[in-house]
C-alpha atoms as a PDB file:
ATOM      1  CA  MET A   1     112.125 108.239 121.732  1.00  0.00           C
ATOM      2  CA  ALA A   2     112.543 104.653 122.946  1.00  0.00           C
ATOM      3  CA  VAL A   3     114.935 105.772 125.674  1.00  0.00           C
ATOM      4  CA  ARG A   4     112.525 108.544 126.704  1.00  0.00           C
ATOM      5  CA  LEU A   5     109.625 106.077 126.940  1.00  0.00           C
ATOM      6  CA  GLN A   6     111.818 103.760 129.012  1.00  0.00           C
ATOM      7  CA  ALA A   7     112.556 106.611 131.424  1.00  0.00           C
ATOM      8  CA  MET A   8     108.806 107.284 131.686  1.00  0.00           C
ATOM      9  CA  GLY A   9     108.327 103.725 132.938  1.00  0.00           C
ATOM     10  CA  LYS A  10     106.476 102.428 129.875  1.00  0.00           C
ATOM     11  CA  VAL A  11     106.467  98.655 130.322  1.00  0.00           C
ATOM     12  CA  ARG A  12     106.840  97.838 126.646  1.00  0.00           C
ATOM     13  CA  TYR A  13     109.947 100.022 126.420  1.00  0.00           C
ATOM     14  CA  ALA A  14     111.739  98.582 129.446  1.00  0.00           C
ATOM     15  CA  SER A  15     114.511  97.475 127.100  1.00  0.00           C
ATOM     16  CA  ALA A  16     114.641 100.874 125.361  1.00  0.00           C
ATOM     17  CA  PHE A  17     115.828 100.413 121.782  1.00  0.00           C
ATOM     18  CA  ARG A  18     116.622  96.700 122.024  1.00  0.00           C
ATOM     19  CA  LEU A  19     114.301  94.684 119.818  1.00  0.00           C
ATOM     20  CA  VAL A  20     111.588  92.854 121.732  1.00  0.00           C
ATOM     21  CA  THR A  21     108.432  91.157 120.488  1.00  0.00           C
ATOM     22  CA  HIS A  22     105.171  91.399 122.442  1.00  0.00           C
ATOM     23  CA  ALA A  23     103.072  88.324 121.677  1.00  0.00           C
ATOM     24  CA  ASP A  24     100.536  89.339 124.339  1.00  0.00           C
ATOM     25  CA  ALA A  25      99.613  92.423 122.309  1.00  0.00           C
ATOM     26  CA  LEU A  26      98.835  90.609 119.091  1.00  0.00           C
ATOM     27  CA  ALA A  27      95.134  90.096 119.793  1.00  0.00           C
ATOM     28  CA  VAL A  28      94.404  93.746 120.623  1.00  0.00           C
ATOM     29  CA  PRO A  29      92.931  94.641 117.184  1.00  0.00           C
ATOM     30  CA  VAL A  30      90.491  91.753 117.410  1.00  0.00           C
ATOM     31  CA  GLY A  31      88.682  93.559 120.229  1.00  0.00           C
ATOM     32  CA  TRP A  32      88.226  96.869 118.412  1.00  0.00           C
ATOM     33  CA  ARG A  33      84.632  97.234 117.299  1.00  0.00           C
ATOM     34  CA  GLN A  34      84.956 100.219 115.006  1.00  0.00           C
ATOM     35  CA  PRO A  35      87.078  99.940 111.837  1.00  0.00           C
ATOM     36  CA  ARG A  36      90.501 101.585 112.167  1.00  0.00           C
ATOM     37  CA  HIS A  37      93.531 102.436 110.089  1.00  0.00           C
ATOM     38  CA  VAL A  38      96.425 100.835 111.949  1.00  0.00           C
ATOM     39  CA  PHE A  39     100.091 101.792 111.475  1.00  0.00           C
ATOM     40  CA  VAL A  40     101.456  98.398 112.475  1.00  0.00           C
ATOM     41  CA  ASN A  41     104.976  99.363 113.487  1.00  0.00           C
ATOM     42  CA  SER A  42     105.445 103.073 114.029  1.00  0.00           C
ATOM     43  CA  MET A  43     108.334 102.434 116.453  1.00  0.00           C
ATOM     44  CA  SER A  44     109.801  99.343 114.827  1.00  0.00           C
ATOM     45  CA  ASP A  45     110.277  97.325 111.632  1.00  0.00           C
ATOM     46  CA  LEU A  46     108.238  94.118 111.327  1.00  0.00           C
ATOM     47  CA  PHE A  47     110.738  92.660 108.874  1.00  0.00           C
ATOM     48  CA  HIS A  48     113.852  93.379 110.926  1.00  0.00           C
ATOM     49  CA  GLU A  49     116.253  90.446 110.649  1.00  0.00           C
ATOM     50  CA  ARG A  50     115.863  89.643 114.344  1.00  0.00           C
ATOM     51  CA  VAL A  51     112.072  89.329 114.209  1.00  0.00           C
ATOM     52  CA  PRO A  52     111.336  85.600 113.852  1.00  0.00           C
ATOM     53  CA  ALA A  53     109.430  84.595 110.733  1.00  0.00           C
ATOM     54  CA  SER A  54     107.029  82.743 113.013  1.00  0.00           C
ATOM     55  CA  PHE A  55     106.154  86.002 114.825  1.00  0.00           C
ATOM     56  CA  ILE A  56     105.643  87.798 111.523  1.00  0.00           C
ATOM     57  CA  ALA A  57     103.251  85.022 110.529  1.00  0.00           C
ATOM     58  CA  GLN A  58     101.330  85.563 113.784  1.00  0.00           C
ATOM     59  CA  VAL A  59     101.021  89.282 113.036  1.00  0.00           C
ATOM     60  CA  PHE A  60      99.647  88.466 109.576  1.00  0.00           C
ATOM     61  CA  ASP A  61      97.211  85.955 111.062  1.00  0.00           C
ATOM     62  CA  VAL A  62      95.719  88.733 113.211  1.00  0.00           C
ATOM     63  CA  MET A  63      95.494  91.099 110.253  1.00  0.00           C
ATOM     64  CA  ASN A  64      93.879  88.359 108.165  1.00  0.00           C
ATOM     65  CA  ARG A  65      91.265  87.820 110.904  1.00  0.00           C
ATOM     66  CA  CYS A  66      90.392  91.540 111.130  1.00  0.00           C
ATOM     67  CA  PRO A  67      89.121  92.521 107.649  1.00  0.00           C
ATOM     68  CA  GLN A  68      87.278  95.507 109.193  1.00  0.00           C
ATOM     69  CA  HIS A  69      90.618  97.238 109.890  1.00  0.00           C
ATOM     70  CA  THR A  70      93.183  98.538 107.402  1.00  0.00           C
ATOM     71  CA  PHE A  71      96.772  97.698 108.342  1.00  0.00           C
ATOM     72  CA  GLN A  72      99.686  99.751 107.031  1.00  0.00           C
ATOM     73  CA  VAL A  73     103.043  97.940 107.269  1.00  0.00           C
ATOM     74  CA  LEU A  74     106.185  99.937 106.584  1.00  0.00           C
ATOM     75  CA  THR A  75     109.707  98.505 106.342  1.00  0.00           C
ATOM     76  CA  LYS A  76     113.244  99.370 105.304  1.00  0.00           C
ATOM     77  CA  ARG A  77     113.908  95.626 104.877  1.00  0.00           C
ATOM     78  CA  ALA A  78     112.213  95.269 101.504  1.00  0.00           C
ATOM     79  CA  GLU A  79     114.331  92.287 100.504  1.00  0.00           C
ATOM     80  CA  ARG A  80     113.293  90.254 103.542  1.00  0.00           C
ATOM     81  CA  ALA A  81     109.642  91.263 103.130  1.00  0.00           C
ATOM     82  CA  ALA A  82     109.730  90.033  99.527  1.00  0.00           C
ATOM     83  CA  ALA A  83     111.445  86.788 100.536  1.00  0.00           C
ATOM     84  CA  LEU A  84     108.786  86.015 103.152  1.00  0.00           C
ATOM     85  CA  ALA A  85     105.830  87.241 101.080  1.00  0.00           C
ATOM     86  CA  PRO A  86     105.041  83.828  99.511  1.00  0.00           C
ATOM     87  CA  ILE A  87     104.408  82.250 102.930  1.00  0.00           C
ATOM     88  CA  LEU A  88     102.159  85.062 104.151  1.00  0.00           C
ATOM     89  CA  LYS A  89      98.499  85.665 103.410  1.00  0.00           C
ATOM     90  CA  TRP A  90      97.964  89.086 101.836  1.00  0.00           C
ATOM     91  CA  THR A  91      94.316  89.900 102.505  1.00  0.00           C
ATOM     92  CA  PRO A  92      93.065  93.147 100.865  1.00  0.00           C
ATOM     93  CA  ASN A  93      93.217  95.086 104.171  1.00  0.00           C
ATOM     94  CA  ILE A  94      97.024  94.870 104.329  1.00  0.00           C
ATOM     95  CA  TRP A  95      98.953  97.753 102.758  1.00  0.00           C
ATOM     96  CA  MET A  96     102.669  97.201 102.295  1.00  0.00           C
ATOM     97  CA  GLY A  97     105.107 100.087 102.117  1.00  0.00           C
ATOM     98  CA  ILE A  98     108.837 100.748 102.075  1.00  0.00           C
ATOM     99  CA  SER A  99     110.912 103.730 103.168  1.00  0.00           C
ATOM    100  CA  VAL A 100     112.635 105.524 100.314  1.00  0.00           C
ATOM    101  CA  GLU A 101     114.520 108.433 101.864  1.00  0.00           C
ATOM    102  CA  ASN A 102     117.007 109.124  99.062  1.00  0.00           C
ATOM    103  CA  CYS A 103     118.180 107.803  95.709  1.00  0.00           C
ATOM    104  CA  GLY A 104     120.618 105.420  97.393  1.00  0.00           C
ATOM    105  CA  VAL A 105     117.784 103.062  98.403  1.00  0.00           C
ATOM    106  CA  ILE A 106     115.674 103.161  95.223  1.00  0.00           C
ATOM    107  CA  GLY A 107     116.455  99.459  94.767  1.00  0.00           C
ATOM    108  CA  ARG A 108     114.035  98.644  97.567  1.00  0.00           C
ATOM    109  CA  ILE A 109     111.187  99.348  95.152  1.00  0.00           C
ATOM    110  CA  GLU A 110     112.180  96.390  92.994  1.00  0.00           C
ATOM    111  CA  HIS A 111     111.462  94.103  95.957  1.00  0.00           C
ATOM    112  CA  LEU A 112     108.253  95.856  96.960  1.00  0.00           C
ATOM    113  CA  ILE A 113     106.556  95.414  93.596  1.00  0.00           C
ATOM    114  CA  THR A 114     106.960  91.618  93.850  1.00  0.00           C
ATOM    115  CA  ILE A 115     104.814  91.547  97.001  1.00  0.00           C
ATOM    116  CA  PRO A 116     101.123  90.741  96.322  1.00  0.00           C
ATOM    117  CA  ALA A 117      99.701  93.416  98.585  1.00  0.00           C
ATOM    118  CA  ASN A 118      96.457  95.131  97.611  1.00  0.00           C
ATOM    119  CA  ILE A 119      98.113  98.526  98.156  1.00  0.00           C
ATOM    120  CA  ARG A 120     101.864  99.090  97.773  1.00  0.00           C
ATOM    121  CA  PHE A 121     103.192 102.454  98.915  1.00  0.00           C
ATOM    122  CA  LEU A 122     106.374 104.486  99.283  1.00  0.00           C
ATOM    123  CA  SER A 123     107.204 106.602 102.319  1.00  0.00           C
ATOM    124  CA  ALA A 124     109.722 109.325 101.508  1.00  0.00           C
ATOM    125  CA  GLU A 125     109.693 110.581 105.067  1.00  0.00           C
ATOM    126  CA  PRO A 126     112.076 111.909 105.950  1.00  0.00           C
ATOM    127  CA  LEU A 127     112.964 112.880 102.403  1.00  0.00           C
ATOM    128  CA  LEU A 128     116.743 113.405 102.582  1.00  0.00           C
ATOM    129  CA  GLY A 129     117.638 113.886  98.941  1.00  0.00           C
ATOM    130  CA  PRO A 130     116.233 114.198  95.405  1.00  0.00           C
ATOM    131  CA  LEU A 131     114.206 111.324  93.950  1.00  0.00           C
ATOM    132  CA  ARG A 132     114.020 112.348  90.291  1.00  0.00           C
ATOM    133  CA  ASP A 133     112.286 109.942  87.901  1.00  0.00           C
ATOM    134  CA  LEU A 134     111.042 107.880  90.825  1.00  0.00           C
ATOM    135  CA  PRO A 135     109.895 104.459  89.466  1.00  0.00           C
ATOM    136  CA  LEU A 136     106.176 104.220  90.278  1.00  0.00           C
ATOM    137  CA  ASN A 137     105.036 101.243  88.201  1.00  0.00           C
ATOM    138  CA  ARG A 138     102.745  99.085  90.405  1.00  0.00           C
ATOM    139  CA  ILE A 139     102.931 101.657  93.216  1.00  0.00           C
ATOM    140  CA  HIS A 140      99.571 102.907  94.546  1.00  0.00           C
ATOM    141  CA  TRP A 141     100.487 105.714  96.945  1.00  0.00           C
ATOM    142  CA  VAL A 142     103.418 108.016  97.828  1.00  0.00           C
ATOM    143  CA  ILE A 143     103.955 109.882 101.107  1.00  0.00           C
ATOM    144  CA  VAL A 144     106.489 112.692 101.433  1.00  0.00           C
ATOM    145  CA  GLY A 145     107.582 114.544 104.576  1.00  0.00           C
ATOM    146  CA  GLY A 146     110.501 116.337 106.179  1.00  0.00           C
ATOM    147  CA  GLU A 147     112.408 115.192 109.207  1.00  0.00           C
ATOM    148  CA  SER A 148     111.325 116.754 112.509  1.00  0.00           C
ATOM    149  CA  GLY A 149     112.790 117.375 115.951  1.00  0.00           C
ATOM    150  CA  PRO A 150     116.152 118.648 117.215  1.00  0.00           C
ATOM    151  CA  GLY A 151     118.875 118.205 114.612  1.00  0.00           C
ATOM    152  CA  ALA A 152     116.377 117.599 111.787  1.00  0.00           C
ATOM    153  CA  ARG A 153     117.983 117.526 108.366  1.00  0.00           C
ATOM    154  CA  GLU A 154     116.624 119.906 105.745  1.00  0.00           C
ATOM    155  CA  MET A 155     114.235 118.851 103.017  1.00  0.00           C
ATOM    156  CA  LYS A 156     114.590 121.124  99.984  1.00  0.00           C
ATOM    157  CA  PRO A 157     111.244 122.168  98.474  1.00  0.00           C
ATOM    158  CA  ASP A 158     112.236 121.057  94.995  1.00  0.00           C
ATOM    159  CA  TRP A 159     112.785 117.522  96.232  1.00  0.00           C
ATOM    160  CA  ALA A 160     109.157 117.360  97.371  1.00  0.00           C
ATOM    161  CA  ARG A 161     107.925 119.047  94.164  1.00  0.00           C
ATOM    162  CA  ASP A 162     109.787 116.564  91.993  1.00  0.00           C
ATOM    163  CA  VAL A 163     108.064 113.639  93.693  1.00  0.00           C
ATOM    164  CA  ARG A 164     104.657 115.355  93.590  1.00  0.00           C
ATOM    165  CA  ASP A 165     104.991 116.163  89.907  1.00  0.00           C
ATOM    166  CA  ARG A 166     106.052 112.599  89.147  1.00  0.00           C
ATOM    167  CA  CYS A 167     102.973 111.323  90.979  1.00  0.00           C
ATOM    168  CA  ILE A 168     100.697 113.697  89.102  1.00  0.00           C
ATOM    169  CA  ALA A 169     102.180 112.668  85.751  1.00  0.00           C
ATOM    170  CA  LEU A 170     101.696 108.990  86.527  1.00  0.00           C
ATOM    171  CA  LYS A 171      98.377 109.398  88.351  1.00  0.00           C
ATOM    172  CA  VAL A 172      99.633 108.066  91.644  1.00  0.00           C
ATOM    173  CA  PRO A 173      97.970 109.524  94.805  1.00  0.00           C
ATOM    174  CA  PHE A 174     100.329 111.882  96.660  1.00  0.00           C
ATOM    175  CA  PHE A 175     100.246 112.742 100.385  1.00  0.00           C
ATOM    176  CA  PHE A 176     102.411 115.578 101.755  1.00  0.00           C
ATOM    177  CA  LYS A 177     102.671 114.983 105.463  1.00  0.00           C
ATOM    178  CA  GLN A 178     104.859 117.828 106.763  1.00  0.00           C
ATOM    179  CA  TRP A 179     107.812 120.145 106.205  1.00  0.00           C
ATOM    180  CA  GLY A 180     109.265 119.025 109.498  1.00  0.00           C
ATOM    181  CA  GLY A 181     112.057 120.937 111.230  1.00  0.00           C
ATOM    182  CA  ILE A 182     112.409 121.796 114.912  1.00  0.00           C
ATOM    183  CA  ASN A 183     108.801 123.128 115.048  1.00  0.00           C
ATOM    184  CA  LYS A 184     106.850 121.032 112.565  1.00  0.00           C
ATOM    185  CA  LYS A 185     103.490 122.586 113.507  1.00  0.00           C
ATOM    186  CA  ARG A 186     104.739 126.066 112.665  1.00  0.00           C
ATOM    187  CA  ALA A 187     106.231 124.832 109.393  1.00  0.00           C
ATOM    188  CA  GLY A 188     102.859 123.397 108.415  1.00  0.00           C
ATOM    189  CA  ARG A 189     102.057 120.931 105.669  1.00  0.00           C
ATOM    190  CA  GLU A 190     101.110 123.052 102.661  1.00  0.00           C
ATOM    191  CA  LEU A 191     103.095 122.533  99.466  1.00  0.00           C
ATOM    192  CA  ASP A 192     102.806 125.356  96.971  1.00  0.00           C
ATOM    193  CA  GLY A 193      99.785 126.833  98.748  1.00  0.00           C
ATOM    194  CA  ARG A 194      97.669 123.752  99.212  1.00  0.00           C
ATOM    195  CA  LEU A 195      97.289 120.558 101.184  1.00  0.00           C
ATOM    196  CA  TRP A 196      97.980 117.268  99.467  1.00  0.00           C
ATOM    197  CA  ASN A 197      95.882 114.567 101.176  1.00  0.00           C
ATOM    198  CA  GLU A 198      95.378 112.102  98.358  1.00  0.00           C
ATOM    199  CA  MET A 199      94.801 108.502  99.344  1.00  0.00           C
ATOM    200  CA  PRO A 200      95.151 105.291  97.335  1.00  0.00           C
ATOM    201  CA  VAL A 201      92.252 103.978  95.350  1.00  0.00           C
ATOM    202  CA  LEU A 202      91.291 100.566  96.649  1.00  0.00           C
ATOM    203  CA  ILE A 203      91.655  97.888  94.003  1.00  0.00           C
END
């Protein structure tokens, strides 16, 4: 996607997939009048090892100054997020999540639960393997979805059901985003005949 956006002449993707920070874009949320849910880094990872801690602090400063918006931060670098957490201000409008795509990365959850975010969530999207007995203590929301696009890897229905049933048993809100595949719209987003759009309860 980054290479495609580069070819389209998008200024912020001039370097394609090479990591670049855009300090000039930090203040954009301050100018939004209506409250929004903001996915902070849909094309990146805020806690990537090459993102300076000072820049991460600037991002948090903006989120702290915009309590009218809800900011969802998602990372695969749970260990770095936990290490930096003590020097960051975790206002209630900041939700912190980690990617948990298979059982090989379950250990990321141990780092997530040490972070003092108001909402801590797991994103099992794409779900690439079973996550039986998923540890959900101190987790407030779980998202599940299949991989989409050319070459998408299969998500077996029972993998999604196992996570859903675990969430139901432990009373954790469950959101089923999509089945994915080459044509994700055709595949839909129903799981066992219904939509699962549960959202976390604000605490």
